[in-house]
C-alpha atoms as a PDB file:
ATOM      1  CA  MET A   1      35.885  12.157  -1.597  1.00  0.00           C
ATOM      2  CA  ASP A   2      35.091  12.016  -5.286  1.00  0.00           C
ATOM      3  CA  LYS A   3      31.325  12.235  -5.653  1.00  0.00           C
ATOM      4  CA  ASN A   4      31.393   9.439  -8.225  1.00  0.00           C
ATOM      5  CA  SER A   5      33.436   7.051  -6.097  1.00  0.00           C
ATOM      6  CA  THR A   6      31.727   3.996  -4.660  1.00  0.00           C
ATOM      7  CA  THR A   7      32.489   2.667  -1.209  1.00  0.00           C
ATOM      8  CA  PRO A   8      31.324  -0.779  -0.086  1.00  0.00           C
ATOM      9  CA  GLN A   9      28.540   0.911   1.875  1.00  0.00           C
ATOM     10  CA  HIS A  10      27.297   2.655  -1.277  1.00  0.00           C
ATOM     11  CA  ALA A  11      27.766  -0.195  -3.724  1.00  0.00           C
ATOM     12  CA  PRO A  12      24.540  -1.058  -5.582  1.00  0.00           C
ATOM     13  CA  PHE A  13      22.395  -3.934  -4.359  1.00  0.00           C
ATOM     14  CA  ILE A  14      22.858  -5.624  -7.741  1.00  0.00           C
ATOM     15  CA  PRO A  15      26.117  -4.845  -9.588  1.00  0.00           C
ATOM     16  CA  ILE A  16      24.572  -4.841 -13.067  1.00  0.00           C
ATOM     17  CA  ILE A  17      21.946  -2.183 -12.296  1.00  0.00           C
ATOM     18  CA  SER A  18      21.984   1.107 -10.416  1.00  0.00           C
ATOM     19  CA  ASP A  19      19.973   1.420  -7.226  1.00  0.00           C
ATOM     20  CA  LYS A  20      17.829   4.156  -8.766  1.00  0.00           C
ATOM     21  CA  HIS A  21      16.809   1.929 -11.656  1.00  0.00           C
ATOM     22  CA  LEU A  22      16.306  -0.994  -9.298  1.00  0.00           C
ATOM     23  CA  SER A  23      13.898   1.117  -7.241  1.00  0.00           C
ATOM     24  CA  LEU A  24      11.776   1.460 -10.401  1.00  0.00           C
ATOM     25  CA  LEU A  25      11.936  -2.145 -11.594  1.00  0.00           C
ATOM     26  CA  LEU A  26      11.797  -4.176  -8.377  1.00  0.00           C
ATOM     27  CA  PRO A  27       8.210  -3.160  -7.459  1.00  0.00           C
ATOM     28  CA  ILE A  28       7.030  -4.340 -10.895  1.00  0.00           C
ATOM     29  CA  ILE A  29       8.743  -7.705 -10.473  1.00  0.00           C
ATOM     30  CA  ILE A  30       7.287  -8.130  -6.984  1.00  0.00           C
ATOM     31  CA  TYR A  31       3.827  -7.144  -8.214  1.00  0.00           C
ATOM     32  CA  TRP A  32       3.598  -9.819 -10.901  1.00  0.00           C
ATOM     33  CA  VAL A  33       5.369 -12.585  -9.021  1.00  0.00           C
ATOM     34  CA  TYR A  34       3.327 -12.163  -5.834  1.00  0.00           C
ATOM     35  CA  SER A  35      -0.005 -11.570  -7.562  1.00  0.00           C
ATOM     36  CA  GLY A  36       0.754 -14.503  -9.864  1.00  0.00           C
ATOM     37  CA  MET A  37       1.112 -16.752  -6.841  1.00  0.00           C
ATOM     38  CA  TYR A  38      -2.317 -15.719  -5.560  1.00  0.00           C
ATOM     39  CA  HIS A  39      -3.784 -16.108  -9.041  1.00  0.00           C
ATOM     40  CA  LEU A  40      -2.642 -19.727  -9.239  1.00  0.00           C
ATOM     41  CA  ILE A  41      -4.005 -20.445  -5.761  1.00  0.00           C
ATOM     42  CA  SER A  42      -7.366 -18.997  -6.786  1.00  0.00           C
ATOM     43  CA  LYS A  43      -7.522 -20.484 -10.281  1.00  0.00           C
ATOM     44  CA  TYR A  44      -6.812 -24.021  -9.126  1.00  0.00           C
ATOM     45  CA  GLN A  45      -8.780 -23.597  -5.893  1.00  0.00           C
ATOM     46  CA  VAL A  46      -5.988 -25.087  -3.814  1.00  0.00           C
ATOM     47  CA  PRO A  47      -7.891 -26.898  -1.034  1.00  0.00           C
ATOM     48  CA  PHE A  48      -5.600 -25.756   1.762  1.00  0.00           C
ATOM     49  CA  PHE A  49      -6.269 -22.082   0.965  1.00  0.00           C
ATOM     50  CA  GLU A  50      -9.963 -22.303   0.076  1.00  0.00           C
ATOM     51  CA  LYS A  51     -11.040 -21.944   3.701  1.00  0.00           C
ATOM     52  CA  TYR A  52      -9.239 -18.596   3.794  1.00  0.00           C
ATOM     53  CA  ARG A  53     -10.904 -17.182   0.670  1.00  0.00           C
ATOM     54  CA  ILE A  54     -12.903 -14.048   1.520  1.00  0.00           C
ATOM     55  CA  ARG A  55     -15.221 -14.062  -1.513  1.00  0.00           C
ATOM     56  CA  SER A  56     -16.460 -17.159  -3.259  1.00  0.00           C
ATOM     57  CA  LEU A  57     -15.182 -17.906  -6.754  1.00  0.00           C
ATOM     58  CA  GLU A  58     -18.753 -17.446  -7.957  1.00  0.00           C
ATOM     59  CA  GLU A  59     -18.788 -13.882  -6.630  1.00  0.00           C
ATOM     60  CA  THR A  60     -15.462 -13.144  -8.281  1.00  0.00           C
ATOM     61  CA  GLU A  61     -16.814 -14.319 -11.629  1.00  0.00           C
ATOM     62  CA  THR A  62     -20.257 -12.684 -11.446  1.00  0.00           C
ATOM     63  CA  ARG A  63     -19.858  -9.462  -9.468  1.00  0.00           C
ATOM     64  CA  ASN A  64     -16.744  -8.002 -11.048  1.00  0.00           C
ATOM     65  CA  LYS A  65     -17.503  -5.663 -13.945  1.00  0.00           C
ATOM     66  CA  VAL A  66     -14.250  -6.135 -15.828  1.00  0.00           C
ATOM     67  CA  SER A  67     -12.455  -9.177 -17.195  1.00  0.00           C
ATOM     68  CA  THR A  68      -9.130 -10.393 -15.841  1.00  0.00           C
ATOM     69  CA  SER A  69      -7.468  -9.749 -19.208  1.00  0.00           C
ATOM     70  CA  GLU A  70      -8.657  -6.134 -19.183  1.00  0.00           C
ATOM     71  CA  VAL A  71      -7.375  -5.716 -15.637  1.00  0.00           C
ATOM     72  CA  ILE A  72      -3.949  -7.059 -16.595  1.00  0.00           C
ATOM     73  CA  LYS A  73      -3.759  -4.774 -19.639  1.00  0.00           C
ATOM     74  CA  GLY A  74      -4.801  -1.793 -17.535  1.00  0.00           C
ATOM     75  CA  VAL A  75      -2.140  -2.509 -14.918  1.00  0.00           C
ATOM     76  CA  ILE A  76       0.570  -2.955 -17.575  1.00  0.00           C
ATOM     77  CA  VAL A  77      -0.317   0.381 -19.176  1.00  0.00           C
ATOM     78  CA  GLN A  78      -0.184   2.117 -15.809  1.00  0.00           C
ATOM     79  CA  GLN A  79       3.133   0.532 -14.865  1.00  0.00           C
ATOM     80  CA  LEU A  80       4.637   1.477 -18.232  1.00  0.00           C
ATOM     81  CA  LEU A  81       3.585   5.105 -17.786  1.00  0.00           C
ATOM     82  CA  GLN A  82       4.908   5.253 -14.231  1.00  0.00           C
ATOM     83  CA  THR A  83       8.181   3.569 -15.174  1.00  0.00           C
ATOM     84  CA  VAL A  84       8.761   5.938 -18.101  1.00  0.00           C
ATOM     85  CA  LEU A  85       8.151   8.904 -15.799  1.00  0.00           C
ATOM     86  CA  GLY A  86      10.520   7.358 -13.269  1.00  0.00           C
ATOM     87  CA  PHE A  87      13.289   6.856 -15.818  1.00  0.00           C
ATOM     88  CA  ILE A  88      12.865  10.436 -17.028  1.00  0.00           C
ATOM     89  CA  ALA A  89      13.144  11.680 -13.445  1.00  0.00           C
ATOM     90  CA  VAL A  90      16.276   9.593 -12.867  1.00  0.00           C
ATOM     91  CA  ALA A  91      17.851  10.766 -16.132  1.00  0.00           C
ATOM     92  CA  THR A  92      17.255  14.453 -15.384  1.00  0.00           C
ATOM     93  CA  GLU A  93      18.210  14.301 -11.712  1.00  0.00           C
ATOM     94  CA  GLU A  94      21.506  15.810 -10.685  1.00  0.00           C
ATOM     95  CA  GLU A  95      24.288  13.429  -9.687  1.00  0.00           C
ATOM     96  CA  GLN A  96      23.933  12.616  -6.010  1.00  0.00           C
ATOM     97  CA  VAL A  97      26.894  13.333  -3.771  1.00  0.00           C
ATOM     98  CA  LEU A  98      27.375  10.224  -1.666  1.00  0.00           C
ATOM     99  CA  PRO A  99      27.791  10.923   2.052  1.00  0.00           C
ATOM    100  CA  ASP A 100      30.956  10.018   3.878  1.00  0.00           C
ATOM    101  CA  ASP A 101      29.696   7.574   6.502  1.00  0.00           C
ATOM    102  CA  ASN A 102      32.507   8.278   8.939  1.00  0.00           C
ATOM    103  CA  LEU A 103      31.934  12.023   8.767  1.00  0.00           C
ATOM    104  CA  GLU A 104      28.198  11.535   9.244  1.00  0.00           C
ATOM    105  CA  ILE A 105      28.790   9.367  12.314  1.00  0.00           C
ATOM    106  CA  LEU A 106      31.241  11.929  13.693  1.00  0.00           C
ATOM    107  CA  GLY A 107      28.629  14.636  13.249  1.00  0.00           C
ATOM    108  CA  LEU A 108      26.063  12.539  15.106  1.00  0.00           C
ATOM    109  CA  SER A 109      28.547  11.949  17.908  1.00  0.00           C
ATOM    110  CA  GLN A 110      29.108  15.685  18.275  1.00  0.00           C
ATOM    111  CA  THR A 111      25.373  16.355  18.225  1.00  0.00           C
ATOM    112  CA  LEU A 112      24.891  13.704  20.887  1.00  0.00           C
ATOM    113  CA  GLU A 113      27.528  15.365  23.050  1.00  0.00           C
ATOM    114  CA  THR A 114      25.937  18.785  22.629  1.00  0.00           C
ATOM    115  CA  TYR A 115      22.449  17.744  23.700  1.00  0.00           C
ATOM    116  CA  THR A 116      23.420  15.354  26.490  1.00  0.00           C
ATOM    117  CA  THR A 117      25.678  18.046  27.948  1.00  0.00           C
ATOM    118  CA  ARG A 118      22.766  20.451  27.883  1.00  0.00           C
ATOM    119  CA  PHE A 119      20.704  17.997  29.941  1.00  0.00           C
ATOM    120  CA  GLY A 120      23.576  17.147  32.256  1.00  0.00           C
ATOM    121  CA  ILE A 121      23.931  13.472  31.295  1.00  0.00           C
ATOM    122  CA  TRP A 122      27.007  13.616  29.083  1.00  0.00           C
ATOM    123  CA  HIS A 123      29.170  11.811  31.649  1.00  0.00           C
ATOM    124  CA  TYR A 124      26.818   8.803  31.389  1.00  0.00           C
ATOM    125  CA  VAL A 125      26.770   8.854  27.615  1.00  0.00           C
ATOM    126  CA  LYS A 126      30.446   9.603  26.931  1.00  0.00           C
ATOM    127  CA  PRO A 127      31.743   6.000  27.269  1.00  0.00           C
ATOM    128  CA  HIS A 128      29.138   4.830  24.741  1.00  0.00           C
ATOM    129  CA  LYS A 129      28.999   7.790  22.363  1.00  0.00           C
ATOM    130  CA  GLN A 130      30.693   6.040  19.448  1.00  0.00           C
ATOM    131  CA  ILE A 131      28.494   2.968  19.442  1.00  0.00           C
ATOM    132  CA  MET A 132      25.384   5.097  20.026  1.00  0.00           C
ATOM    133  CA  ALA A 133      26.288   7.301  17.069  1.00  0.00           C
ATOM    134  CA  GLU A 134      26.976   4.291  14.845  1.00  0.00           C
ATOM    135  CA  TYR A 135      23.736   2.512  15.762  1.00  0.00           C
ATOM    136  CA  SER A 136      21.791   5.723  15.250  1.00  0.00           C
ATOM    137  CA  TYR A 137      23.316   6.216  11.808  1.00  0.00           C
ATOM    138  CA  TRP A 138      22.983   2.653  10.541  1.00  0.00           C
ATOM    139  CA  TYR A 139      19.723   1.584  12.202  1.00  0.00           C
ATOM    140  CA  LEU A 140      17.718   4.151  14.182  1.00  0.00           C
ATOM    141  CA  ILE A 141      17.656   6.977  11.654  1.00  0.00           C
ATOM    142  CA  PRO A 142      16.840   4.728   8.647  1.00  0.00           C
ATOM    143  CA  VAL A 143      13.997   3.102  10.610  1.00  0.00           C
ATOM    144  CA  VAL A 144      12.613   6.500  11.633  1.00  0.00           C
ATOM    145  CA  LYS A 145      12.773   7.684   8.017  1.00  0.00           C
ATOM    146  CA  PHE A 146      11.050   4.499   6.863  1.00  0.00           C
ATOM    147  CA  PHE A 147       8.139   4.971   9.278  1.00  0.00           C
ATOM    148  CA  LEU A 148       7.955   8.652   8.376  1.00  0.00           C
ATOM    149  CA  ALA A 149       7.657   7.657   4.719  1.00  0.00           C
ATOM    150  CA  MET A 150       4.861   5.243   5.662  1.00  0.00           C
ATOM    151  CA  PHE A 151       3.056   8.029   7.532  1.00  0.00           C
ATOM    152  CA  LEU A 152       3.451  10.471   4.647  1.00  0.00           C
ATOM    153  CA  LEU A 153       2.207   8.016   2.018  1.00  0.00           C
ATOM    154  CA  ASP A 154      -0.722   6.986   4.223  1.00  0.00           C
ATOM    155  CA  THR A 155      -1.644  10.620   4.811  1.00  0.00           C
ATOM    156  CA  TRP A 156      -1.496  11.549   1.131  1.00  0.00           C
ATOM    157  CA  GLN A 157      -3.437   8.532  -0.050  1.00  0.00           C
ATOM    158  CA  TYR A 158      -6.111   8.712   2.664  1.00  0.00           C
ATOM    159  CA  PHE A 159      -7.152  12.261   1.814  1.00  0.00           C
ATOM    160  CA  MET A 160      -6.831  11.756  -1.934  1.00  0.00           C
ATOM    161  CA  HIS A 161      -8.780   8.504  -1.739  1.00  0.00           C
ATOM    162  CA  ARG A 162     -11.505  10.081   0.387  1.00  0.00           C
ATOM    163  CA  LEU A 163     -11.755  13.050  -1.993  1.00  0.00           C
ATOM    164  CA  PHE A 164     -12.234  10.721  -4.961  1.00  0.00           C
ATOM    165  CA  HIS A 165     -15.175   9.097  -3.164  1.00  0.00           C
ATOM    166  CA  GLN A 166     -16.786  12.278  -1.878  1.00  0.00           C
ATOM    167  CA  SER A 167     -16.700  13.966  -5.276  1.00  0.00           C
ATOM    168  CA  ALA A 168     -19.321  12.395  -7.535  1.00  0.00           C
ATOM    169  CA  PHE A 169     -17.443  13.685 -10.586  1.00  0.00           C
ATOM    170  CA  LEU A 170     -14.066  12.236  -9.554  1.00  0.00           C
ATOM    171  CA  TYR A 171     -15.643   8.951  -8.541  1.00  0.00           C
ATOM    172  CA  ARG A 172     -17.709   8.538 -11.683  1.00  0.00           C
ATOM    173  CA  HIS A 173     -15.015   9.489 -14.178  1.00  0.00           C
ATOM    174  CA  ILE A 174     -11.846   8.238 -12.476  1.00  0.00           C
ATOM    175  CA  HIS A 175     -11.986   6.213  -9.265  1.00  0.00           C
ATOM    176  CA  SER A 176     -14.971   4.037 -10.211  1.00  0.00           C
ATOM    177  CA  ARG A 177     -12.640   2.168 -12.551  1.00  0.00           C
ATOM    178  CA  HIS A 178     -10.885   0.567  -9.580  1.00  0.00           C
ATOM    179  CA  HIS A 179     -14.257  -0.277  -8.030  1.00  0.00           C
ATOM    180  CA  ARG A 180     -15.307  -2.392 -10.979  1.00  0.00           C
ATOM    181  CA  LEU A 181     -13.745  -5.102  -8.823  1.00  0.00           C
ATOM    182  CA  TYR A 182     -16.308  -5.860  -6.113  1.00  0.00           C
ATOM    183  CA  ALA A 183     -14.471  -9.056  -5.277  1.00  0.00           C
ATOM    184  CA  PRO A 184     -10.832  -7.900  -5.256  1.00  0.00           C
ATOM    185  CA  TYR A 185      -8.013 -10.120  -6.400  1.00  0.00           C
ATOM    186  CA  ALA A 186      -4.245  -9.635  -6.427  1.00  0.00           C
ATOM    187  CA  PHE A 187      -3.812  -8.710 -10.108  1.00  0.00           C
ATOM    188  CA  GLY A 188      -6.275  -5.862  -9.611  1.00  0.00           C
ATOM    189  CA  ALA A 189      -4.332  -4.062  -6.892  1.00  0.00           C
ATOM    190  CA  LEU A 190      -3.119  -1.385  -9.320  1.00  0.00           C
ATOM    191  CA  TYR A 191      -6.053  -1.480 -11.724  1.00  0.00           C
ATOM    192  CA  ASN A 192      -6.737   2.259 -11.713  1.00  0.00           C
ATOM    193  CA  HIS A 193      -7.376   5.137 -14.043  1.00  0.00           C
ATOM    194  CA  PRO A 194      -3.996   6.539 -15.228  1.00  0.00           C
ATOM    195  CA  ILE A 195      -4.780   9.893 -13.605  1.00  0.00           C
ATOM    196  CA  GLU A 196      -5.437   8.160 -10.311  1.00  0.00           C
ATOM    197  CA  GLY A 197      -2.273   6.113 -10.677  1.00  0.00           C
ATOM    198  CA  PHE A 198      -0.248   9.285 -11.157  1.00  0.00           C
ATOM    199  CA  LEU A 199      -1.852  11.233  -8.300  1.00  0.00           C
ATOM    200  CA  PHE A 200      -2.098   8.423  -5.763  1.00  0.00           C
ATOM    201  CA  ASP A 201       0.953   6.297  -6.464  1.00  0.00           C
ATOM    202  CA  SER A 202       3.535   8.279  -8.434  1.00  0.00           C
ATOM    203  CA  LEU A 203       3.068  11.645  -6.750  1.00  0.00           C
ATOM    204  CA  GLY A 204       2.484  10.007  -3.374  1.00  0.00           C
ATOM    205  CA  ALA A 205       5.747   8.094  -3.717  1.00  0.00           C
ATOM    206  CA  VAL A 206       7.653  11.275  -4.602  1.00  0.00           C
ATOM    207  CA  ILE A 207       6.219  13.062  -1.564  1.00  0.00           C
ATOM    208  CA  ALA A 208       7.012  10.191   0.803  1.00  0.00           C
ATOM    209  CA  PHE A 209      10.535   9.752  -0.560  1.00  0.00           C
ATOM    210  CA  THR A 210      11.431  13.440  -0.637  1.00  0.00           C
ATOM    211  CA  LEU A 211      10.010  14.564   2.700  1.00  0.00           C
ATOM    212  CA  SER A 212      11.156  11.514   4.651  1.00  0.00           C
ATOM    213  CA  GLY A 213      14.749  11.841   3.487  1.00  0.00           C
ATOM    214  CA  LEU A 214      15.035   8.163   2.604  1.00  0.00           C
ATOM    215  CA  SER A 215      18.250   7.067   0.965  1.00  0.00           C
ATOM    216  CA  VAL A 216      18.036   5.394  -2.436  1.00  0.00           C
ATOM    217  CA  LYS A 217      18.522   1.999  -0.782  1.00  0.00           C
ATOM    218  CA  GLY A 218      15.823   2.887   1.728  1.00  0.00           C
ATOM    219  CA  ALA A 219      13.553   3.800  -1.180  1.00  0.00           C
ATOM    220  CA  ILE A 220      14.169   0.419  -2.800  1.00  0.00           C
ATOM    221  CA  VAL A 221      13.018  -1.358   0.351  1.00  0.00           C
ATOM    222  CA  PHE A 222      10.121   1.044   0.910  1.00  0.00           C
ATOM    223  CA  PHE A 223       8.677   0.844  -2.609  1.00  0.00           C
ATOM    224  CA  ALA A 224       9.182  -2.912  -2.749  1.00  0.00           C
ATOM    225  CA  PHE A 225       7.402  -3.397   0.567  1.00  0.00           C
ATOM    226  CA  SER A 226       4.538  -1.029  -0.260  1.00  0.00           C
ATOM    227  CA  THR A 227       3.962  -2.921  -3.524  1.00  0.00           C
ATOM    228  CA  PHE A 228       4.031  -6.256  -1.713  1.00  0.00           C
ATOM    229  CA  LYS A 229       1.586  -4.888   0.866  1.00  0.00           C
ATOM    230  CA  THR A 230      -0.787  -3.489  -1.762  1.00  0.00           C
ATOM    231  CA  VAL A 231      -0.952  -6.810  -3.608  1.00  0.00           C
ATOM    232  CA  ASP A 232      -1.535  -8.639  -0.336  1.00  0.00           C
ATOM    233  CA  ASP A 233      -4.373  -6.268   0.599  1.00  0.00           C
ATOM    234  CA  HIS A 234      -6.161  -7.090  -2.665  1.00  0.00           C
ATOM    235  CA  SER A 235      -5.405 -10.813  -2.579  1.00  0.00           C
ATOM    236  CA  GLY A 236      -8.906 -11.886  -1.578  1.00  0.00           C
ATOM    237  CA  TYR A 237      -7.488 -14.232   1.069  1.00  0.00           C
ATOM    238  CA  ASP A 238      -7.330 -13.800   4.830  1.00  0.00           C
ATOM    239  CA  ILE A 239      -4.539 -16.212   5.704  1.00  0.00           C
ATOM    240  CA  PRO A 240      -4.050 -16.373   9.492  1.00  0.00           C
ATOM    241  CA  PHE A 241      -0.354 -17.212   9.356  1.00  0.00           C
ATOM    242  CA  ASN A 242       0.394 -14.366   6.941  1.00  0.00           C
ATOM    243  CA  PRO A 243       2.254 -11.820   9.120  1.00  0.00           C
ATOM    244  CA  ILE A 244       1.184  -8.915   6.895  1.00  0.00           C
ATOM    245  CA  GLN A 245      -2.468  -9.740   7.574  1.00  0.00           C
ATOM    246  CA  ARG A 246      -1.908 -10.008  11.320  1.00  0.00           C
ATOM    247  CA  ILE A 247       0.411  -7.050  11.917  1.00  0.00           C
ATOM    248  CA  PHE A 248      -1.558  -4.510   9.886  1.00  0.00           C
ATOM    249  CA  GLY A 249      -5.215  -3.710  10.488  1.00  0.00           C
ATOM    250  CA  ASN A 250      -5.221  -2.406   6.931  1.00  0.00           C
ATOM    251  CA  ASN A 251      -5.400  -5.857   5.379  1.00  0.00           C
ATOM    252  CA  ALA A 252      -7.339  -7.975   2.885  1.00  0.00           C
ATOM    253  CA  ILE A 253     -10.587  -8.063   4.889  1.00  0.00           C
ATOM    254  CA  TYR A 254     -10.395  -4.345   5.647  1.00  0.00           C
ATOM    255  CA  HIS A 255      -9.950  -3.542   1.972  1.00  0.00           C
ATOM    256  CA  ASP A 256     -12.578  -6.035   0.833  1.00  0.00           C
ATOM    257  CA  ILE A 257     -15.111  -4.145   2.956  1.00  0.00           C
ATOM    258  CA  HIS A 258     -14.239  -0.944   1.115  1.00  0.00           C
ATOM    259  CA  HIS A 259     -14.931  -2.636  -2.228  1.00  0.00           C
ATOM    260  CA  GLN A 260     -18.502  -3.505  -1.211  1.00  0.00           C
ATOM    261  CA  THR A 261     -21.372  -1.089  -1.800  1.00  0.00           C
ATOM    262  CA  TYR A 262     -21.964  -0.677   1.947  1.00  0.00           C
ATOM    263  CA  GLY A 263     -18.294   0.169   2.492  1.00  0.00           C
ATOM    264  CA  LEU A 264     -17.653   2.668  -0.295  1.00  0.00           C
ATOM    265  CA  LYS A 265     -17.595   5.567   2.178  1.00  0.00           C
ATOM    266  CA  LYS A 266     -15.510   3.683   4.731  1.00  0.00           C
ATOM    267  CA  ASN A 267     -11.968   2.306   5.068  1.00  0.00           C
ATOM    268  CA  PHE A 268     -10.166   4.838   2.885  1.00  0.00           C
ATOM    269  CA  SER A 269      -6.744   4.248   4.443  1.00  0.00           C
ATOM    270  CA  GLN A 270      -3.988   2.713   2.355  1.00  0.00           C
ATOM    271  CA  PRO A 271      -1.527   1.132   2.153  1.00  0.00           C
ATOM    272  CA  PHE A 272      -0.286   0.652   5.731  1.00  0.00           C
ATOM    273  CA  PHE A 273      -2.254   1.849   8.766  1.00  0.00           C
ATOM    274  CA  THR A 274      -5.841   2.790   9.666  1.00  0.00           C
ATOM    275  CA  PHE A 275      -5.325   5.734  12.031  1.00  0.00           C
ATOM    276  CA  TRP A 276      -6.819   8.350   9.691  1.00  0.00           C
ATOM    277  CA  ASP A 277     -10.007   6.304   9.346  1.00  0.00           C
ATOM    278  CA  ARG A 278     -10.223   6.002  13.116  1.00  0.00           C
ATOM    279  CA  ILE A 279      -9.592   9.717  13.648  1.00  0.00           C
ATOM    280  CA  PHE A 280     -12.202  10.853  11.116  1.00  0.00           C
ATOM    281  CA  GLY A 281     -14.820   8.199  11.856  1.00  0.00           C
ATOM    282  CA  THR A 282     -14.583   6.366   8.544  1.00  0.00           C
ATOM    283  CA  TYR A 283     -13.368   3.076   9.993  1.00  0.00           C
ATOM    284  CA  LEU A 284     -15.662   0.082   9.435  1.00  0.00           C
ATOM    285  CA  PRO A 285     -14.398  -3.051  11.217  1.00  0.00           C
ATOM    286  CA  SER A 286     -15.310  -6.525  10.045  1.00  0.00           C
ATOM    287  CA  HIS A 287     -17.763  -7.247  12.875  1.00  0.00           C
ATOM    288  CA  GLU A 288     -19.805  -4.138  12.000  1.00  0.00           C
ATOM    289  CA  ALA A 289     -19.707  -5.046   8.313  1.00  0.00           C
ATOM    290  CA  SER A 290     -21.056  -8.477   9.225  1.00  0.00           C
ATOM    291  CA  LYS A 291     -23.933  -6.836  11.112  1.00  0.00           C
ATOM    292  CA  ILE A 292     -24.832  -4.827   8.012  1.00  0.00           C
ATOM    293  CA  LEU A 293     -25.008  -8.015   5.962  1.00  0.00           C
ATOM    294  CA  LYS A 294     -27.058  -9.836   8.589  1.00  0.00           C
ATOM    295  CA  GLU A 295     -29.548  -7.004   8.991  1.00  0.00           C
ATOM    296  CA  ASN A 296     -29.971  -6.441   5.265  1.00  0.00           C
ATOM    297  CA  PRO A 297     -28.343  -9.270   3.316  1.00  0.00           C
ATOM    298  CA  SER A 298     -30.150  -8.448   0.075  1.00  0.00           C
ATOM    299  CA  ARG A 299     -28.727  -4.951  -0.128  1.00  0.00           C
ATOM    300  CA  GLY A 300     -26.016  -4.182   2.400  1.00  0.00           C
ATOM    301  CA  ILE A 301     -25.997  -0.520   1.351  1.00  0.00           C
ATOM    302  CA  ALA A 302     -25.684   2.298   3.887  1.00  0.00           C
ATOM    303  CA  GLU A 303     -28.414   4.921   3.715  1.00  0.00           C
ATOM    304  CA  ASP A 304     -25.931   7.788   3.414  1.00  0.00           C
ATOM    305  CA  ASP A 305     -23.952   6.357   0.497  1.00  0.00           C
ATOM    306  CA  ASP A 306     -23.382   8.702  -2.406  1.00  0.00           C
ATOM    307  CA  PRO A 307     -26.359   8.296  -4.756  1.00  0.00           C
ATOM    308  CA  GLN A 308     -24.149   9.143  -7.714  1.00  0.00           C
ATOM    309  CA  ALA A 309     -21.728   6.386  -6.847  1.00  0.00           C
ATOM    310  CA  LEU A 310     -24.451   3.897  -5.992  1.00  0.00           C
ATOM    311  CA  LYS A 311     -27.296   4.795  -8.333  1.00  0.00           C
ATOM    312  CA  LYS A 312     -26.995   1.419 -10.073  1.00  0.00           C
ATOM    313  CA  SER A 313     -26.931  -0.571  -6.850  1.00  0.00           C
ATOM    314  CA  LYS A 314     -30.130  -2.484  -7.609  1.00  0.00           C
ATOM    315  CA  THR A 315     -28.691  -3.662 -10.895  1.00  0.00           C
ATOM    316  CA  MET A 316     -25.582  -4.820  -9.094  1.00  0.00           C
ATOM    317  CA  GLU A 317     -27.654  -6.676  -6.503  1.00  0.00           C
ATOM    318  CA  SER A 318     -29.466  -8.656  -9.179  1.00  0.00           C
ATOM    319  CA  ARG A 319     -26.112  -9.963 -10.378  1.00  0.00           C
ATOM    320  CA  THR A 320     -24.669 -10.606  -6.940  1.00  0.00           C
ATOM    321  CA  SER A 321     -24.191 -14.177  -5.816  1.00  0.00           C
ATOM    322  CA  THR A 322     -26.671 -15.317  -3.176  1.00  0.00           C
ATOM    323  CA  LYS A 323     -23.777 -16.929  -1.352  1.00  0.00           C
ATOM    324  CA  ARG A 324     -22.490 -14.463   1.254  1.00  0.00           C
ATOM    325  CA  TYR A 325     -19.887 -14.890   3.899  1.00  0.00           C
ATOM    326  CA  ASN A 326     -19.297 -13.591   7.363  1.00  0.00           C
ATOM    327  CA  LEU A 327     -16.146 -11.514   6.903  1.00  0.00           C
ATOM    328  CA  ARG A 328     -14.548 -12.925  10.025  1.00  0.00           C
ATOM    329  CA  SER A 329     -15.621 -16.573  10.161  1.00  0.00           C
ATOM    330  CA  ARG A 330     -16.356 -17.076   6.447  1.00  0.00           C
ATOM    331  CA  LYS A 331     -19.468 -19.040   7.375  1.00  0.00           C
ATOM    332  CA  ASN A 332     -22.436 -18.736   5.080  1.00  0.00           C
ATOM    333  CA  ILE A 333     -24.783 -16.139   6.596  1.00  0.00           C
ATOM    334  CA  SER A 334     -27.564 -16.100   4.028  1.00  0.00           C
END
């Protein structure tokens, strides 16, 4: 088969743009459309959603140390840099040889025969080998690669994120920029220092994509979903009928805790699961966060927090709204 030929299976999602370029542009579109929706809900205080707001509008306006316009400009700059790097990578990448689906399925069928024969169950599998090979190729293997990519990105970002909190230098000069938002909102999901954006997002995406073996179409779905998830995690709303909030423990409340002074050394996981936090003892669930607020509502700062990261905590407290919420019930607890 000619490496430049296009079969129906390998036709681009959108005829006017290549899949590689779509994988770069679609996350940006999703970011602004989805965060824009949350922005309108917050700006106009839509009554139906107000009961699901995690932080009061007063807190959003008084606690955050950066204006919305500055956040938007910062995100645009970061996305421009990442997109330029992405286009350069696409332009310099060698032409991909498209796989022959039928040959790939045949290879899977032969592999299936080899291993089932070894375990003495080939006679059970033989009547179904073709359909098993086809389902493995079209569904099972892509799903496994997708979850592997999720695991790889989570692993990379957990340890990078934790490092940038444990190092006073990295926190002060780089990661503290993201933590100017004590009351997170959707537009601020990617408000980071450019160095952080490159290390966490760009390099993390390359690692997840390369090591997982995702196809280009798989990468489109993966990067689109991870962007959607990241915006949702910073939305500032815990909507009970939002499946993303219910399926993933790494959600808006979980991430809101991390943005508070008492949670700076907790809840490092992003963007999907929380298993690394649970393994290394850095997981702070909402009910424990609520206890911290109840026991010390005027401060809510853990004794072992990094003094370099929190040395201005008293100044922050003086500007903090007196209206505090239980992170689970949203009832006023002060």
